Protein backbone atom coordinates (compact mmCIF):
# COMPACT_ATOMS: atom_id res chain seq x y z
CA MET A 1 78.80 97.51 102.83
CA SER A 2 75.06 97.29 102.38
CA ALA A 3 74.83 93.59 103.23
CA LEU A 4 76.91 93.70 106.40
CA GLY A 5 79.24 96.66 106.77
CA ASP A 6 76.85 99.53 107.42
CA ASP A 7 74.97 97.72 110.19
CA GLN A 8 78.08 96.28 111.83
CA LEU A 9 79.89 99.63 111.74
CA ALA A 10 76.85 101.28 113.35
CA ARG A 11 76.83 98.59 116.07
CA MET A 12 80.46 99.43 116.89
CA ASP A 13 79.37 102.80 118.30
CA GLY A 14 77.79 101.14 121.32
CA ASP A 15 79.67 97.87 121.64
CA PRO A 16 83.27 98.12 122.91
CA GLY A 17 83.70 94.35 122.60
CA LEU A 18 82.85 94.52 118.91
CA VAL A 19 85.27 97.43 118.48
CA ALA A 20 88.06 95.40 120.07
CA ALA A 21 87.33 92.32 117.96
CA VAL A 22 87.19 94.34 114.72
CA ASP A 23 90.39 96.14 115.70
CA GLN A 24 92.15 92.80 116.13
CA HIS A 25 91.07 91.70 112.65
CA ALA A 26 92.13 95.08 111.22
CA ALA A 27 95.55 94.65 112.85
CA VAL A 28 95.96 91.25 111.19
CA LEU A 29 95.14 92.82 107.83
CA ARG A 30 97.55 95.72 108.44
CA ASP A 31 100.31 93.19 109.06
CA ALA A 32 99.39 90.89 106.16
CA ILE A 33 98.71 93.12 103.16
CA PRO A 34 99.36 96.61 101.87
CA LEU A 35 96.27 98.68 102.61
CA ASP A 36 96.00 100.43 99.28
CA ARG A 37 92.57 100.46 97.61
CA GLU A 38 93.38 97.78 95.04
CA THR A 39 94.99 95.28 97.41
CA LEU A 40 92.28 95.66 100.04
CA GLY A 41 89.63 95.23 97.34
CA ASP A 42 91.36 92.14 95.96
CA TYR A 43 91.63 90.70 99.47
CA LEU A 44 87.91 91.30 100.00
CA LEU A 45 86.95 89.63 96.73
CA GLY A 46 89.11 86.60 97.47
CA PHE A 47 87.78 86.34 101.02
CA LEU A 48 84.18 86.55 99.78
CA ASP A 49 84.86 83.87 97.15
CA GLU A 50 86.14 81.55 99.88
CA LEU A 51 83.12 82.27 102.09
CA ARG A 52 80.75 81.52 99.20
CA TYR A 53 82.63 78.30 98.48
CA ARG A 54 82.17 77.27 102.11
CA GLY A 55 78.47 78.20 102.06
CA TRP A 56 78.84 80.90 104.71
CA ILE A 57 75.85 83.17 105.19
CA PHE A 58 75.82 86.18 107.50
CA ASN A 59 73.28 85.46 110.23
CA GLY A 60 73.66 88.72 112.13
CA GLU A 61 76.13 87.33 114.65
CA PRO A 62 79.73 88.58 114.74
CA ASP A 63 81.50 85.31 113.97
CA ALA A 64 85.08 85.32 112.69
CA ALA A 65 84.08 85.82 109.06
CA ALA A 66 81.72 88.68 109.89
CA LEU A 67 84.39 90.32 112.05
CA ARG A 68 86.94 90.08 109.22
CA LEU A 69 84.44 91.55 106.74
CA THR A 70 83.60 94.33 109.19
CA ALA A 71 87.31 95.06 109.60
CA VAL A 72 87.69 95.37 105.82
CA CYS A 73 84.69 97.73 105.70
CA TRP A 74 86.04 99.75 108.63
CA LEU A 75 89.47 100.04 107.05
CA ALA A 76 87.98 101.06 103.69
CA ARG A 77 85.93 103.76 105.41
CA GLU A 78 88.79 104.99 107.61
CA LEU A 79 91.22 105.12 104.68
CA GLY A 80 88.74 107.17 102.64
CA TYR A 81 88.14 104.52 100.00
CA LEU A 82 84.37 104.94 100.22
CA SER A 83 84.29 108.73 99.92
CA ASP A 84 83.29 108.52 96.26
CA GLY A 85 79.89 107.17 97.26
CA LEU A 86 80.38 103.97 95.28
CA PRO A 87 79.68 100.64 96.97
CA ALA A 88 82.60 98.74 98.44
């Protein structure tokens, strides 16, 4: 959340295009995996491992990887998984 999620989620407030793109990625996740805390967390860890393997670095632009990560952060927030104040 601190590396990408907080800033991207804040940007969504004023960017309908970003909202639509994140919503599309969230829809893919809703269809692909159960959205319980553990499965979403496992998905995130696996996705981050793959991004590290590929050498991906967030450059501030909403590319496909950043949109998918933002969707995971958005889902975690919307589902109340971050209400304990612990980092995602």
